[in-house]
């Protein structure tokens, strides 16, 4: 029973720690910042790019940022064991 309570406390600590994390990715002058809850905090576009290039760079930024947050979360979970 106490092991379960200890694990719950560790999970809460990991969740709280992740919520404080921020990842910023830049592609072709476009920047995306997301937090550990995988919420977008900011987007900065590059007006010198055409719409198609902006969309492609934005997609790459989002995907890379989400991937990095997921890796960070997995690393924190592995340390719990």
PDB file of N, CA and C in Angstrom:
ATOM      1  N   UNK A   1       0.821  -1.194   0.000  1.00  0.00           N
ATOM      2  CA  UNK A   1       0.000   0.000   0.000  1.00  0.00           C
ATOM      3  C   UNK A   1       0.867   1.260   0.000  1.00  0.00           C
ATOM      4  N   UNK A   2       1.908   1.263   0.850  1.00  0.00           N
ATOM      5  CA  UNK A   2       2.767   2.439   0.917  1.00  0.00           C
ATOM      6  C   UNK A   2       3.578   2.602  -0.363  1.00  0.00           C
ATOM      7  N   UNK A   3       3.891   1.472  -1.024  1.00  0.00           N
ATOM      8  CA  UNK A   3       4.583   1.556  -2.312  1.00  0.00           C
ATOM      9  C   UNK A   3       3.719   2.271  -3.342  1.00  0.00           C
ATOM     10  N   UNK A   4       2.428   1.974  -3.350  1.00  0.00           N
ATOM     11  CA  UNK A   4       1.510   2.638  -4.279  1.00  0.00           C
ATOM     12  C   UNK A   4       1.416   4.131  -3.994  1.00  0.00           C
ATOM     13  N   UNK A   5       1.371   4.494  -2.722  1.00  0.00           N
ATOM     14  CA  UNK A   5       1.322   5.915  -2.361  1.00  0.00           C
ATOM     15  C   UNK A   5       2.609   6.620  -2.780  1.00  0.00           C
ATOM     16  N   UNK A   6       3.725   5.930  -2.595  1.00  0.00           N
ATOM     17  CA  UNK A   6       5.012   6.499  -2.985  1.00  0.00           C
ATOM     18  C   UNK A   6       5.059   6.712  -4.499  1.00  0.00           C
ATOM     19  N   UNK A   7       4.568   5.739  -5.266  1.00  0.00           N
ATOM     20  CA  UNK A   7       4.556   5.865  -6.723  1.00  0.00           C
ATOM     21  C   UNK A   7       3.632   6.991  -7.171  1.00  0.00           C
ATOM     22  N   UNK A   8       2.485   7.125  -6.511  1.00  0.00           N
ATOM     23  CA  UNK A   8       1.580   8.221  -6.841  1.00  0.00           C
ATOM     24  C   UNK A   8       2.238   9.576  -6.593  1.00  0.00           C
ATOM     25  N   UNK A   9       2.959   9.678  -5.496  1.00  0.00           N
ATOM     26  CA  UNK A   9       3.664  10.921  -5.188  1.00  0.00           C
ATOM     27  C   UNK A   9       4.735  11.205  -6.245  1.00  0.00           C
ATOM     28  N   UNK A  10       5.462  10.159  -6.651  1.00  0.00           N
ATOM     29  CA  UNK A  10       6.483  10.331  -7.688  1.00  0.00           C
ATOM     30  C   UNK A  10       5.851  10.771  -9.007  1.00  0.00           C
ATOM     31  N   UNK A  11       4.717  10.173  -9.377  1.00  0.00           N
ATOM     32  CA  UNK A  11       4.038  10.560 -10.604  1.00  0.00           C
ATOM     33  C   UNK A  11       3.592  12.018 -10.559  1.00  0.00           C
ATOM     34  N   UNK A  12       3.101  12.451  -9.407  1.00  0.00           N
ATOM     35  CA  UNK A  12       2.693  13.850  -9.259  1.00  0.00           C
ATOM     36  C   UNK A  12       3.901  14.776  -9.418  1.00  0.00           C
ATOM     37  N   UNK A  13       5.030  14.376  -8.838  1.00  0.00           N
ATOM     38  CA  UNK A  13       6.242  15.182  -8.967  1.00  0.00           C
ATOM     39  C   UNK A  13       6.697  15.267 -10.423  1.00  0.00           C
ATOM     40  N   UNK A  14       6.607  14.156 -11.142  1.00  0.00           N
ATOM     41  CA  UNK A  14       6.973  14.144 -12.557  1.00  0.00           C
ATOM     42  C   UNK A  14       6.036  15.052 -13.346  1.00  0.00           C
ATOM     43  N   UNK A  15       4.741  14.942 -13.090  1.00  0.00           N
ATOM     44  CA  UNK A  15       3.744  15.777 -13.774  1.00  0.00           C
ATOM     45  C   UNK A  15       4.023  17.256 -13.514  1.00  0.00           C
ATOM     46  N   UNK A  16       4.273  17.606 -12.263  1.00  0.00           N
ATOM     47  CA  UNK A  16       4.551  19.002 -11.915  1.00  0.00           C
ATOM     48  C   UNK A  16       5.829  19.489 -12.599  1.00  0.00           C
ATOM     49  N   UNK A  17       6.835  18.628 -12.624  1.00  0.00           N
ATOM     50  CA  UNK A  17       8.098  18.973 -13.266  1.00  0.00           C
ATOM     51  C   UNK A  17       7.918  19.174 -14.770  1.00  0.00           C
ATOM     52  N   UNK A  18       7.164  18.293 -15.402  1.00  0.00           N
ATOM     53  CA  UNK A  18       6.927  18.400 -16.846  1.00  0.00           C
ATOM     54  C   UNK A  18       6.164  19.670 -17.198  1.00  0.00           C
ATOM     55  N   UNK A  19       5.225  20.042 -16.372  1.00  0.00           N
ATOM     56  CA  UNK A  19       4.425  21.240 -16.646  1.00  0.00           C
ATOM     57  C   UNK A  19       5.287  22.496 -16.698  1.00  0.00           C
ATOM     58  N   UNK A  20       6.440  22.474 -16.047  1.00  0.00           N
ATOM     59  CA  UNK A  20       7.335  23.629 -16.028  1.00  0.00           C
ATOM     60  C   UNK A  20       8.266  23.667 -17.234  1.00  0.00           C
ATOM     61  N   UNK A  21       8.358  22.547 -17.949  1.00  0.00           N
ATOM     62  CA  UNK A  21       9.256  22.457 -19.102  1.00  0.00           C
ATOM     63  C   UNK A  21       8.707  23.248 -20.280  1.00  0.00           C
ATOM     64  N   UNK A  22       9.623  23.781 -21.077  1.00  0.00           N
ATOM     65  CA  UNK A  22       9.259  24.467 -22.316  1.00  0.00           C
ATOM     66  C   UNK A  22      10.250  24.038 -23.388  1.00  0.00           C
ATOM     67  N   UNK A  23       9.719  23.775 -24.550  1.00  0.00           N
ATOM     68  CA  UNK A  23      10.545  23.399 -25.688  1.00  0.00           C
ATOM     69  C   UNK A  23      10.303  24.423 -26.791  1.00  0.00           C
ATOM     70  N   UNK A  24      11.386  24.978 -27.333  1.00  0.00           N
ATOM     71  CA  UNK A  24      11.272  25.917 -28.441  1.00  0.00           C
ATOM     72  C   UNK A  24      12.014  25.328 -29.634  1.00  0.00           C
ATOM     73  N   UNK A  25      11.347  25.259 -30.755  1.00  0.00           N
ATOM     74  CA  UNK A  25      11.915  24.728 -31.980  1.00  0.00           C
ATOM     75  C   UNK A  25      11.832  25.808 -33.056  1.00  0.00           C
ATOM     76  N   UNK A  26      12.899  25.919 -33.855  1.00  0.00           N
ATOM     77  CA  UNK A  26      12.904  26.886 -34.938  1.00  0.00           C
ATOM     78  C   UNK A  26      13.257  26.188 -36.248  1.00  0.00           C
ATOM     79  N   UNK A  27      12.504  26.486 -37.280  1.00  0.00           N
ATOM     80  CA  UNK A  27      12.726  25.996 -38.636  1.00  0.00           C
ATOM     81  C   UNK A  27      12.518  27.158 -39.599  1.00  0.00           C
ATOM     82  N   UNK A  28      13.523  27.500 -40.342  1.00  0.00           N
ATOM     83  CA  UNK A  28      13.415  28.547 -41.367  1.00  0.00           C
ATOM     84  C   UNK A  28      12.850  29.860 -40.823  1.00  0.00           C
ATOM     85  N   UNK A  29      13.240  30.215 -39.631  1.00  0.00           N
ATOM     86  CA  UNK A  29      12.790  31.468 -39.037  1.00  0.00           C
ATOM     87  C   UNK A  29      11.432  31.396 -38.359  1.00  0.00           C
ATOM     88  N   UNK A  30      10.805  30.241 -38.386  1.00  0.00           N
ATOM     89  CA  UNK A  30       9.530  30.039 -37.704  1.00  0.00           C
ATOM     90  C   UNK A  30       9.818  29.375 -36.369  1.00  0.00           C
ATOM     91  N   UNK A  31       9.245  29.925 -35.293  1.00  0.00           N
ATOM     92  CA  UNK A  31       9.483  29.388 -33.952  1.00  0.00           C
ATOM     93  C   UNK A  31       8.177  28.938 -33.315  1.00  0.00           C
ATOM     94  N   UNK A  32       8.245  27.790 -32.664  1.00  0.00           N
ATOM     95  CA  UNK A  32       7.105  27.262 -31.918  1.00  0.00           C
ATOM     96  C   UNK A  32       7.603  26.927 -30.518  1.00  0.00           C
ATOM     97  N   UNK A  33       6.853  27.353 -29.511  1.00  0.00           N
ATOM     98  CA  UNK A  33       7.166  27.011 -28.130  1.00  0.00           C
ATOM     99  C   UNK A  33       5.978  26.271 -27.547  1.00  0.00           C
ATOM    100  N   UNK A  34       6.257  25.070 -26.995  1.00  0.00           N
ATOM    101  CA  UNK A  34       5.204  24.316 -26.312  1.00  0.00           C
ATOM    102  C   UNK A  34       5.680  24.002 -24.899  1.00  0.00           C
ATOM    103  N   UNK A  35       4.704  23.775 -24.016  1.00  0.00           N
ATOM    104  CA  UNK A  35       5.055  23.429 -22.638  1.00  0.00           C
ATOM    105  C   UNK A  35       4.895  21.931 -22.420  1.00  0.00           C
ATOM    106  N   UNK A  36       5.191  21.483 -21.223  1.00  0.00           N
ATOM    107  CA  UNK A  36       5.146  20.065 -20.889  1.00  0.00           C
ATOM    108  C   UNK A  36       3.761  19.462 -20.914  1.00  0.00           C
ATOM    109  N   UNK A  37       2.735  20.289 -20.966  1.00  0.00           N
ATOM    110  CA  UNK A  37       1.365  19.782 -21.093  1.00  0.00           C
ATOM    111  C   UNK A  37       0.991  19.652 -22.564  1.00  0.00           C
ATOM    112  N   UNK A  38       1.967  19.866 -23.419  1.00  0.00           N
ATOM    113  CA  UNK A  38       1.815  19.836 -24.872  1.00  0.00           C
ATOM    114  C   UNK A  38       0.773  20.862 -25.317  1.00  0.00           C
ATOM    115  N   UNK A  39       0.910  22.049 -24.758  1.00  0.00           N
ATOM    116  CA  UNK A  39       0.093  23.190 -25.143  1.00  0.00           C
ATOM    117  C   UNK A  39       0.995  24.204 -25.841  1.00  0.00           C
ATOM    118  N   UNK A  40       0.516  24.794 -26.910  1.00  0.00           N
ATOM    119  CA  UNK A  40       1.287  25.795 -27.632  1.00  0.00           C
ATOM    120  C   UNK A  40       1.303  27.079 -26.811  1.00  0.00           C
ATOM    121  N   UNK A  41       2.500  27.575 -26.561  1.00  0.00           N
ATOM    122  CA  UNK A  41       2.630  28.833 -25.827  1.00  0.00           C
ATOM    123  C   UNK A  41       2.853  30.009 -26.773  1.00  0.00           C
ATOM    124  N   UNK A  42       3.600  29.762 -27.856  1.00  0.00           N
ATOM    125  CA  UNK A  42       3.799  30.848 -28.814  1.00  0.00           C
ATOM    126  C   UNK A  42       4.169  30.298 -30.184  1.00  0.00           C
ATOM    127  N   UNK A  43       3.835  31.110 -31.192  1.00  0.00           N
ATOM    128  CA  UNK A  43       4.179  30.817 -32.584  1.00  0.00           C
ATOM    129  C   UNK A  43       4.660  32.129 -33.198  1.00  0.00           C
ATOM    130  N   UNK A  44       5.809  32.065 -33.862  1.00  0.00           N
ATOM    131  CA  UNK A  44       6.312  33.233 -34.592  1.00  0.00           C
ATOM    132  C   UNK A  44       6.547  32.791 -36.030  1.00  0.00           C
ATOM    133  N   UNK A  45       5.904  33.483 -36.942  1.00  0.00           N
ATOM    134  CA  UNK A  45       6.007  33.153 -38.351  1.00  0.00           C
ATOM    135  C   UNK A  45       7.098  33.983 -39.029  1.00  0.00           C
ATOM    136  N   UNK A  46       7.497  33.546 -40.191  1.00  0.00           N
ATOM    137  CA  UNK A  46       8.495  34.242 -40.991  1.00  0.00           C
ATOM    138  C   UNK A  46       7.790  34.750 -42.249  1.00  0.00           C
ATOM    139  N   UNK A  47       7.507  36.020 -42.301  1.00  0.00           N
ATOM    140  CA  UNK A  47       6.726  36.583 -43.411  1.00  0.00           C
ATOM    141  C   UNK A  47       7.486  36.566 -44.740  1.00  0.00           C
ATOM    142  N   UNK A  48       8.794  36.318 -44.710  1.00  0.00           N
ATOM    143  CA  UNK A  48       9.536  36.280 -45.966  1.00  0.00           C
ATOM    144  C   UNK A  48       9.355  34.941 -46.701  1.00  0.00           C
ATOM    145  N   UNK A  49       8.731  33.968 -46.048  1.00  0.00           N
ATOM    146  CA  UNK A  49       8.458  32.681 -46.685  1.00  0.00           C
ATOM    147  C   UNK A  49       7.062  32.690 -47.289  1.00  0.00           C
ATOM    148  N   UNK A  50       6.881  31.934 -48.384  1.00  0.00           N
ATOM    149  CA  UNK A  50       5.531  31.812 -48.929  1.00  0.00           C
ATOM    150  C   UNK A  50       4.702  30.913 -48.018  1.00  0.00           C
ATOM    151  N   UNK A  51       3.415  30.883 -48.251  1.00  0.00           N
ATOM    152  CA  UNK A  51       2.503  30.167 -47.364  1.00  0.00           C
ATOM    153  C   UNK A  51       2.846  28.685 -47.267  1.00  0.00           C
ATOM    154  N   UNK A  52       3.161  28.064 -48.375  1.00  0.00           N
ATOM    155  CA  UNK A  52       3.460  26.629 -48.378  1.00  0.00           C
ATOM    156  C   UNK A  52       4.690  26.305 -47.525  1.00  0.00           C
ATOM    157  N   UNK A  53       5.742  27.110 -47.647  1.00  0.00           N
ATOM    158  CA  UNK A  53       6.952  26.877 -46.842  1.00  0.00           C
ATOM    159  C   UNK A  53       6.698  27.146 -45.372  1.00  0.00           C
ATOM    160  N   UNK A  54       5.890  28.163 -45.072  1.00  0.00           N
ATOM    161  CA  UNK A  54       5.549  28.436 -43.672  1.00  0.00           C
ATOM    162  C   UNK A  54       4.788  27.270 -43.063  1.00  0.00           C
ATOM    163  N   UNK A  55       3.819  26.754 -43.814  1.00  0.00           N
ATOM    164  CA  UNK A  55       3.030  25.626 -43.311  1.00  0.00           C
ATOM    165  C   UNK A  55       3.905  24.406 -43.063  1.00  0.00           C
ATOM    166  N   UNK A  56       4.806  24.123 -43.987  1.00  0.00           N
ATOM    167  CA  UNK A  56       5.688  22.957 -43.844  1.00  0.00           C
ATOM    168  C   UNK A  56       6.635  23.134 -42.648  1.00  0.00           C
ATOM    169  N   UNK A  57       7.219  24.315 -42.507  1.00  0.00           N
ATOM    170  CA  UNK A  57       8.115  24.574 -41.376  1.00  0.00           C
ATOM    171  C   UNK A  57       7.362  24.519 -40.050  1.00  0.00           C
ATOM    172  N   UNK A  58       6.153  25.049 -40.037  1.00  0.00           N
ATOM    173  CA  UNK A  58       5.333  25.028 -38.825  1.00  0.00           C
ATOM    174  C   UNK A  58       5.017  23.592 -38.418  1.00  0.00           C
ATOM    175  N   UNK A  59       4.654  22.775 -39.382  1.00  0.00           N
ATOM    176  CA  UNK A  59       4.369  21.368 -39.112  1.00  0.00           C
ATOM    177  C   UNK A  59       5.599  20.668 -38.538  1.00  0.00           C
ATOM    178  N   UNK A  60       6.766  20.928 -39.125  1.00  0.00           N
ATOM    179  CA  UNK A  60       8.004  20.317 -38.629  1.00  0.00           C
ATOM    180  C   UNK A  60       8.294  20.770 -37.198  1.00  0.00           C
ATOM    181  N   UNK A  61       8.084  22.044 -36.925  1.00  0.00           N
ATOM    182  CA  UNK A  61       8.320  22.570 -35.576  1.00  0.00           C
ATOM    183  C   UNK A  61       7.417  21.880 -34.552  1.00  0.00           C
ATOM    184  N   UNK A  62       6.127  21.801 -34.855  1.00  0.00           N
ATOM    185  CA  UNK A  62       5.189  21.156 -33.935  1.00  0.00           C
ATOM    186  C   UNK A  62       5.585  19.707 -33.679  1.00  0.00           C
ATOM    187  N   UNK A  63       5.835  18.974 -34.752  1.00  0.00           N
ATOM    188  CA  UNK A  63       6.160  17.560 -34.608  1.00  0.00           C
ATOM    189  C   UNK A  63       7.438  17.342 -33.801  1.00  0.00           C
ATOM    190  N   UNK A  64       8.455  18.143 -34.062  1.00  0.00           N
ATOM    191  CA  UNK A  64       9.706  17.998 -33.326  1.00  0.00           C
ATOM    192  C   UNK A  64       9.537  18.382 -31.853  1.00  0.00           C
ATOM    193  N   UNK A  65       8.791  19.424 -31.585  1.00  0.00           N
ATOM    194  CA  UNK A  65       8.571  19.863 -30.204  1.00  0.00           C
ATOM    195  C   UNK A  65       7.803  18.809 -29.415  1.00  0.00           C
ATOM    196  N   UNK A  66       6.757  18.240 -30.001  1.00  0.00           N
ATOM    197  CA  UNK A  66       5.973  17.206 -29.321  1.00  0.00           C
ATOM    198  C   UNK A  66       6.853  15.980 -29.061  1.00  0.00           C
ATOM    199  N   UNK A  67       7.647  15.619 -30.032  1.00  0.00           N
ATOM    200  CA  UNK A  67       8.543  14.467 -29.876  1.00  0.00           C
ATOM    201  C   UNK A  67       9.522  14.691 -28.713  1.00  0.00           C
ATOM    202  N   UNK A  68      10.081  15.895 -28.630  1.00  0.00           N
ATOM    203  CA  UNK A  68      11.033  16.194 -27.551  1.00  0.00           C
ATOM    204  C   UNK A  68      10.360  16.150 -26.177  1.00  0.00           C
ATOM    205  N   UNK A  69       9.138  16.652 -26.085  1.00  0.00           N
ATOM    206  CA  UNK A  69       8.414  16.597 -24.807  1.00  0.00           C
ATOM    207  C   UNK A  69       8.130  15.150 -24.435  1.00  0.00           C
ATOM    208  N   UNK A  70       7.750  14.339 -25.408  1.00  0.00           N
ATOM    209  CA  UNK A  70       7.477  12.930 -25.135  1.00  0.00           C
ATOM    210  C   UNK A  70       8.735  12.207 -24.665  1.00  0.00           C
ATOM    211  N   UNK A  71       9.863  12.492 -25.276  1.00  0.00           N
ATOM    212  CA  UNK A  71      11.126  11.882 -24.858  1.00  0.00           C
ATOM    213  C   UNK A  71      11.472  12.324 -23.445  1.00  0.00           C
ATOM    214  N   UNK A  72      11.301  13.597 -23.162  1.00  0.00           N
ATOM    215  CA  UNK A  72      11.574  14.119 -21.819  1.00  0.00           C
ATOM    216  C   UNK A  72      10.696  13.433 -20.779  1.00  0.00           C
ATOM    217  N   UNK A  73       9.422  13.259 -21.094  1.00  0.00           N
ATOM    218  CA  UNK A  73       8.500  12.587 -20.170  1.00  0.00           C
ATOM    219  C   UNK A  73       8.924  11.134 -19.955  1.00  0.00           C
ATOM    220  N   UNK A  74       9.315  10.460 -21.016  1.00  0.00           N
ATOM    221  CA  UNK A  74       9.749   9.065 -20.897  1.00  0.00           C
ATOM    222  C   UNK A  74      11.003   8.960 -20.035  1.00  0.00           C
ATOM    223  N   UNK A  75      11.933   9.888 -20.210  1.00  0.00           N
ATOM    224  CA  UNK A  75      13.155   9.874 -19.402  1.00  0.00           C
ATOM    225  C   UNK A  75      12.836  10.079 -17.924  1.00  0.00           C
ATOM    226  N   UNK A  76      11.929  10.981 -17.642  1.00  0.00           N
ATOM    227  CA  UNK A  76      11.549  11.220 -16.252  1.00  0.00           C
ATOM    228  C   UNK A  76      10.855   9.990 -15.652  1.00  0.00           C
ATOM    229  N   UNK A  77      10.035   9.324 -16.443  1.00  0.00           N
ATOM    230  CA  UNK A  77       9.344   8.111 -15.963  1.00  0.00           C
ATOM    231  C   UNK A  77      10.353   6.984 -15.696  1.00  0.00           C
ATOM    232  N   UNK A  78      11.360   6.870 -16.553  1.00  0.00           N
ATOM    233  CA  UNK A  78      12.354   5.808 -16.372  1.00  0.00           C
ATOM    234  C   UNK A  78      13.157   6.020 -15.090  1.00  0.00           C
ATOM    235  N   UNK A  79      13.409   7.261 -14.735  1.00  0.00           N
ATOM    236  CA  UNK A  79      14.137   7.548 -13.495  1.00  0.00           C
ATOM    237  C   UNK A  79      13.335   7.171 -12.259  1.00  0.00           C
ATOM    238  N   UNK A  80      12.018   7.096 -12.429  1.00  0.00           N
ATOM    239  CA  UNK A  80      11.148   6.772 -11.301  1.00  0.00           C
ATOM    240  C   UNK A  80      11.323   5.319 -10.850  1.00  0.00           C
ATOM    241  N   UNK A  81      11.663   4.447 -11.781  1.00  0.00           N
ATOM    242  CA  UNK A  81      11.716   3.020 -11.461  1.00  0.00           C
ATOM    243  C   UNK A  81      12.874   2.682 -10.598  1.00  0.00           C
TER     244      UNK A  81
END
